[in-house]
Amino acid sequence: MIGARIKAYVKEKGIKQTFIAKAADMSDGTLSDIFNKGRKIEVTEYVKICKALGVPLDYFVKDILEGKEVE
């Protein structure tokens, strides 16, 4: 779910997956698995991706943290 949110953001902003992978020090394959195969994202990966995108850590999970959406 979080991977899908990040993927939608990336698509909307026109950011290339390879840019994020490099900036987050991750492989393209790992990022692709998170975006396309529903692989659960590790906390450290999430932090790196948020930093690479320049968004606050709660950006993709704010509604979950506020109890507005439950998986």
Protein backbone atom coordinates (compact mmCIF):
# COMPACT_ATOMS: atom_id res chain seq x y z
CA MET A 1 0.00 0.00 0.00
CA ILE A 2 2.71 2.50 0.90
CA GLY A 3 4.73 1.41 -2.11
CA ALA A 4 1.73 2.13 -4.33
CA ARG A 5 1.39 5.60 -2.81
CA ILE A 6 5.04 6.36 -3.42
CA LYS A 7 4.79 5.02 -6.98
CA ALA A 8 1.77 7.26 -7.69
CA TYR A 9 3.62 10.29 -6.30
CA VAL A 10 6.68 9.53 -8.41
CA LYS A 11 4.55 9.14 -11.53
CA GLU A 12 2.63 12.35 -10.84
CA LYS A 13 5.85 14.32 -10.36
CA GLY A 14 7.55 12.73 -13.37
CA ILE A 15 10.49 11.46 -11.33
CA LYS A 16 12.44 8.57 -12.79
CA GLN A 17 12.70 5.40 -10.75
CA THR A 18 16.42 5.17 -11.48
CA PHE A 19 16.93 8.63 -9.97
CA ILE A 20 15.22 7.60 -6.74
CA ALA A 21 17.09 4.31 -6.55
CA LYS A 22 20.43 6.07 -6.94
CA ALA A 23 19.56 8.89 -4.51
CA ALA A 24 18.26 6.37 -1.95
CA ASP A 25 21.26 4.06 -2.43
CA MET A 26 19.01 1.18 -3.47
CA SER A 27 18.99 -1.13 -6.44
CA ASP A 28 16.48 -0.56 -9.23
CA GLY A 29 15.24 -4.11 -8.63
CA THR A 30 14.46 -3.47 -4.97
CA LEU A 31 12.58 -0.30 -5.80
CA SER A 32 10.72 -2.05 -8.60
CA ASP A 33 9.67 -4.84 -6.23
CA ILE A 34 8.33 -2.28 -3.76
CA PHE A 35 6.47 -0.38 -6.48
CA ASN A 36 5.20 -3.24 -8.62
CA LYS A 37 5.14 -6.47 -6.64
CA GLY A 38 3.75 -5.19 -3.37
CA ARG A 39 6.94 -6.04 -1.49
CA LYS A 40 6.77 -4.67 2.02
CA ILE A 41 9.02 -1.70 2.49
CA GLU A 42 11.50 -1.71 5.35
CA VAL A 43 11.68 1.33 7.61
CA THR A 44 15.22 2.14 6.52
CA GLU A 45 14.17 1.96 2.87
CA TYR A 46 11.18 4.21 3.53
CA VAL A 47 13.40 6.81 5.21
CA LYS A 48 15.87 6.76 2.32
CA ILE A 49 13.08 7.12 -0.27
CA CYS A 50 11.48 10.03 1.59
CA LYS A 51 14.84 11.77 1.84
CA ALA A 52 15.50 11.18 -1.87
CA LEU A 53 12.10 12.66 -2.73
CA GLY A 54 12.48 15.54 -0.28
CA VAL A 55 9.24 14.80 1.56
CA PRO A 56 8.61 14.50 5.32
CA LEU A 57 8.55 11.00 6.77
CA ASP A 58 4.81 11.15 7.45
CA TYR A 59 3.96 12.20 3.88
CA PHE A 60 2.80 8.79 2.63
CA VAL A 61 1.42 7.50 5.94
CA LYS A 62 -0.18 10.56 7.51
CA ASP A 63 -3.77 9.32 7.14
CA ILE A 64 -2.81 5.94 8.58
CA LEU A 65 -1.14 7.59 11.56
CA GLU A 66 -4.23 9.72 12.10
CA GLY A 67 -6.44 6.59 12.08
CA LYS A 68 -8.26 7.57 8.89
CA GLU A 69 -7.26 4.47 6.96
CA VAL A 70 -6.47 0.95 8.08
CA GLU A 71 -5.05 -1.79 5.89
